[in-house]
Amino acid sequence: MDRENSKIFSKTDKMKMLYEAKAEDVVYSAADADEDDLEAQDRSLEADKRQLHEIMKKE
């Protein structure tokens, strides 16, 4: 790892990155959603919970 470019992110920085990354993924339309879209949304929410848990556990 390059020490000059490495940075330890705060919990707030990590949360901002998580929300920014999520916002960039897709545009969601409930009117156009099918069963696969709803399942993908549920999986995404569960993944976000796991990611947040990992962030909190590390701090």
N, C-alpha and C. Protein backbone atom coordinates (compact mmCIF):
# COMPACT_ATOMS: atom_id res chain seq x y z
N MET A 1 0.84 -1.17 0.00
CA MET A 1 0.00 0.00 0.00
C MET A 1 0.89 1.24 0.00
N ASP A 2 0.51 2.23 -0.76
CA ASP A 2 1.25 3.48 -0.84
C ASP A 2 0.89 4.36 0.35
N ARG A 3 1.84 4.58 1.23
CA ARG A 3 1.58 5.34 2.47
C ARG A 3 1.20 6.79 2.18
N GLU A 4 1.71 7.36 1.11
CA GLU A 4 1.42 8.76 0.80
C GLU A 4 -0.05 8.95 0.42
N ASN A 5 -0.64 7.95 -0.21
CA ASN A 5 -2.03 8.07 -0.67
C ASN A 5 -3.01 7.35 0.24
N SER A 6 -2.55 6.72 1.29
CA SER A 6 -3.45 6.00 2.18
C SER A 6 -4.05 6.97 3.18
N LYS A 7 -5.28 6.69 3.55
CA LYS A 7 -5.98 7.56 4.49
C LYS A 7 -6.90 6.68 5.33
N ILE A 8 -6.99 6.99 6.59
CA ILE A 8 -7.94 6.30 7.46
C ILE A 8 -9.19 7.16 7.49
N PHE A 9 -10.30 6.59 7.02
CA PHE A 9 -11.54 7.33 6.93
C PHE A 9 -12.31 7.26 8.24
N SER A 10 -12.94 8.36 8.59
CA SER A 10 -13.79 8.38 9.78
C SER A 10 -15.11 7.68 9.46
N LYS A 11 -15.86 7.38 10.49
CA LYS A 11 -17.17 6.76 10.30
C LYS A 11 -18.05 7.64 9.42
N THR A 12 -18.00 8.95 9.63
CA THR A 12 -18.80 9.87 8.84
C THR A 12 -18.39 9.83 7.37
N ASP A 13 -17.08 9.81 7.12
CA ASP A 13 -16.60 9.72 5.73
C ASP A 13 -17.08 8.43 5.07
N LYS A 14 -17.02 7.33 5.80
CA LYS A 14 -17.46 6.04 5.26
C LYS A 14 -18.95 6.06 4.95
N MET A 15 -19.75 6.67 5.83
CA MET A 15 -21.19 6.75 5.60
C MET A 15 -21.49 7.60 4.36
N LYS A 16 -20.77 8.70 4.20
CA LYS A 16 -20.95 9.55 3.02
C LYS A 16 -20.63 8.78 1.75
N MET A 17 -19.53 8.02 1.77
CA MET A 17 -19.14 7.24 0.59
C MET A 17 -20.20 6.19 0.28
N LEU A 18 -20.73 5.55 1.32
CA LEU A 18 -21.76 4.53 1.11
C LEU A 18 -23.00 5.14 0.48
N TYR A 19 -23.45 6.27 1.00
CA TYR A 19 -24.65 6.91 0.45
C TYR A 19 -24.41 7.45 -0.95
N GLU A 20 -23.24 8.01 -1.21
CA GLU A 20 -22.93 8.52 -2.54
C GLU A 20 -22.89 7.38 -3.56
N ALA A 21 -22.28 6.27 -3.18
CA ALA A 21 -22.20 5.12 -4.09
C ALA A 21 -23.60 4.57 -4.37
N LYS A 22 -24.42 4.52 -3.36
CA LYS A 22 -25.78 4.01 -3.55
C LYS A 22 -26.57 4.94 -4.46
N ALA A 23 -26.41 6.24 -4.32
CA ALA A 23 -27.15 7.20 -5.13
C ALA A 23 -26.76 7.12 -6.60
N GLU A 24 -25.55 6.68 -6.89
CA GLU A 24 -25.06 6.61 -8.26
C GLU A 24 -25.49 5.34 -8.99
N ASP A 25 -25.99 4.35 -8.26
CA ASP A 25 -26.25 3.04 -8.87
C ASP A 25 -27.29 3.09 -9.98
N VAL A 26 -28.54 3.35 -9.65
CA VAL A 26 -29.62 3.30 -10.63
C VAL A 26 -30.71 4.29 -10.26
N VAL A 27 -31.56 4.58 -11.25
CA VAL A 27 -32.77 5.35 -10.99
C VAL A 27 -33.89 4.33 -10.88
N TYR A 28 -34.63 4.37 -9.80
CA TYR A 28 -35.65 3.37 -9.53
C TYR A 28 -37.03 3.94 -9.79
N SER A 29 -37.86 3.21 -10.48
CA SER A 29 -39.24 3.60 -10.73
C SER A 29 -40.15 2.50 -10.21
N ALA A 30 -40.90 2.79 -9.15
CA ALA A 30 -41.81 1.79 -8.57
C ALA A 30 -42.87 1.38 -9.59
N ALA A 31 -43.27 2.28 -10.45
CA ALA A 31 -44.31 1.97 -11.44
C ALA A 31 -43.81 0.94 -12.46
N ASP A 32 -42.53 0.97 -12.77
CA ASP A 32 -41.96 0.05 -13.77
C ASP A 32 -41.32 -1.19 -13.16
N ALA A 33 -41.33 -1.30 -11.84
CA ALA A 33 -40.65 -2.41 -11.16
C ALA A 33 -41.39 -3.72 -11.37
N ASP A 34 -40.63 -4.77 -11.62
CA ASP A 34 -41.21 -6.11 -11.67
C ASP A 34 -40.69 -6.90 -10.47
N GLU A 35 -41.01 -8.16 -10.40
CA GLU A 35 -40.62 -8.98 -9.26
C GLU A 35 -39.11 -9.04 -9.08
N ASP A 36 -38.37 -9.13 -10.18
CA ASP A 36 -36.91 -9.16 -10.10
C ASP A 36 -36.36 -7.84 -9.53
N ASP A 37 -36.96 -6.73 -9.92
CA ASP A 37 -36.52 -5.43 -9.41
C ASP A 37 -36.76 -5.33 -7.91
N LEU A 38 -37.90 -5.80 -7.46
CA LEU A 38 -38.21 -5.75 -6.03
C LEU A 38 -37.27 -6.64 -5.24
N GLU A 39 -36.96 -7.80 -5.79
CA GLU A 39 -36.02 -8.71 -5.13
C GLU A 39 -34.62 -8.08 -5.07
N ALA A 40 -34.22 -7.43 -6.14
CA ALA A 40 -32.91 -6.77 -6.17
C ALA A 40 -32.86 -5.63 -5.15
N GLN A 41 -33.96 -4.91 -5.01
CA GLN A 41 -34.01 -3.83 -4.03
C GLN A 41 -33.87 -4.39 -2.61
N ASP A 42 -34.54 -5.50 -2.32
CA ASP A 42 -34.42 -6.13 -1.01
C ASP A 42 -32.99 -6.58 -0.74
N ARG A 43 -32.35 -7.20 -1.74
CA ARG A 43 -30.96 -7.63 -1.59
C ARG A 43 -30.04 -6.44 -1.36
N SER A 44 -30.31 -5.34 -2.04
CA SER A 44 -29.50 -4.13 -1.88
C SER A 44 -29.61 -3.58 -0.46
N LEU A 45 -30.81 -3.55 0.08
CA LEU A 45 -31.00 -3.07 1.44
C LEU A 45 -30.27 -3.95 2.45
N GLU A 46 -30.34 -5.26 2.25
CA GLU A 46 -29.64 -6.19 3.14
C GLU A 46 -28.12 -6.01 3.03
N ALA A 47 -27.63 -5.79 1.82
CA ALA A 47 -26.19 -5.56 1.63
C ALA A 47 -25.75 -4.28 2.32
N ASP A 48 -26.58 -3.24 2.23
CA ASP A 48 -26.26 -1.98 2.91
C ASP A 48 -26.18 -2.19 4.42
N LYS A 49 -27.09 -2.98 4.96
CA LYS A 49 -27.08 -3.26 6.40
C LYS A 49 -25.80 -4.00 6.80
N ARG A 50 -25.41 -4.98 5.97
CA ARG A 50 -24.18 -5.73 6.26
C ARG A 50 -22.96 -4.81 6.17
N GLN A 51 -22.93 -3.96 5.16
CA GLN A 51 -21.80 -3.04 4.99
C GLN A 51 -21.72 -2.09 6.18
N LEU A 52 -22.84 -1.55 6.60
CA LEU A 52 -22.85 -0.65 7.73
C LEU A 52 -22.39 -1.37 8.99
N HIS A 53 -22.82 -2.60 9.15
CA HIS A 53 -22.40 -3.41 10.30
C HIS A 53 -20.88 -3.59 10.30
N GLU A 54 -20.30 -3.87 9.13
CA GLU A 54 -18.85 -4.03 9.02
C GLU A 54 -18.13 -2.72 9.34
N ILE A 55 -18.66 -1.60 8.88
CA ILE A 55 -18.05 -0.31 9.17
C ILE A 55 -18.08 -0.04 10.68
N MET A 56 -19.23 -0.29 11.31
CA MET A 56 -19.38 -0.03 12.73
C MET A 56 -18.48 -0.96 13.55
N LYS A 57 -18.34 -2.21 13.09
CA LYS A 57 -17.55 -3.20 13.83
C LYS A 57 -16.07 -2.82 13.82
N LYS A 58 -15.61 -2.22 12.75
CA LYS A 58 -14.20 -1.86 12.60
C LYS A 58 -13.81 -0.65 13.43
N GLU A 59 -14.80 0.13 13.84
CA GLU A 59 -14.48 1.37 14.57
C GLU A 59 -14.57 1.19 16.06
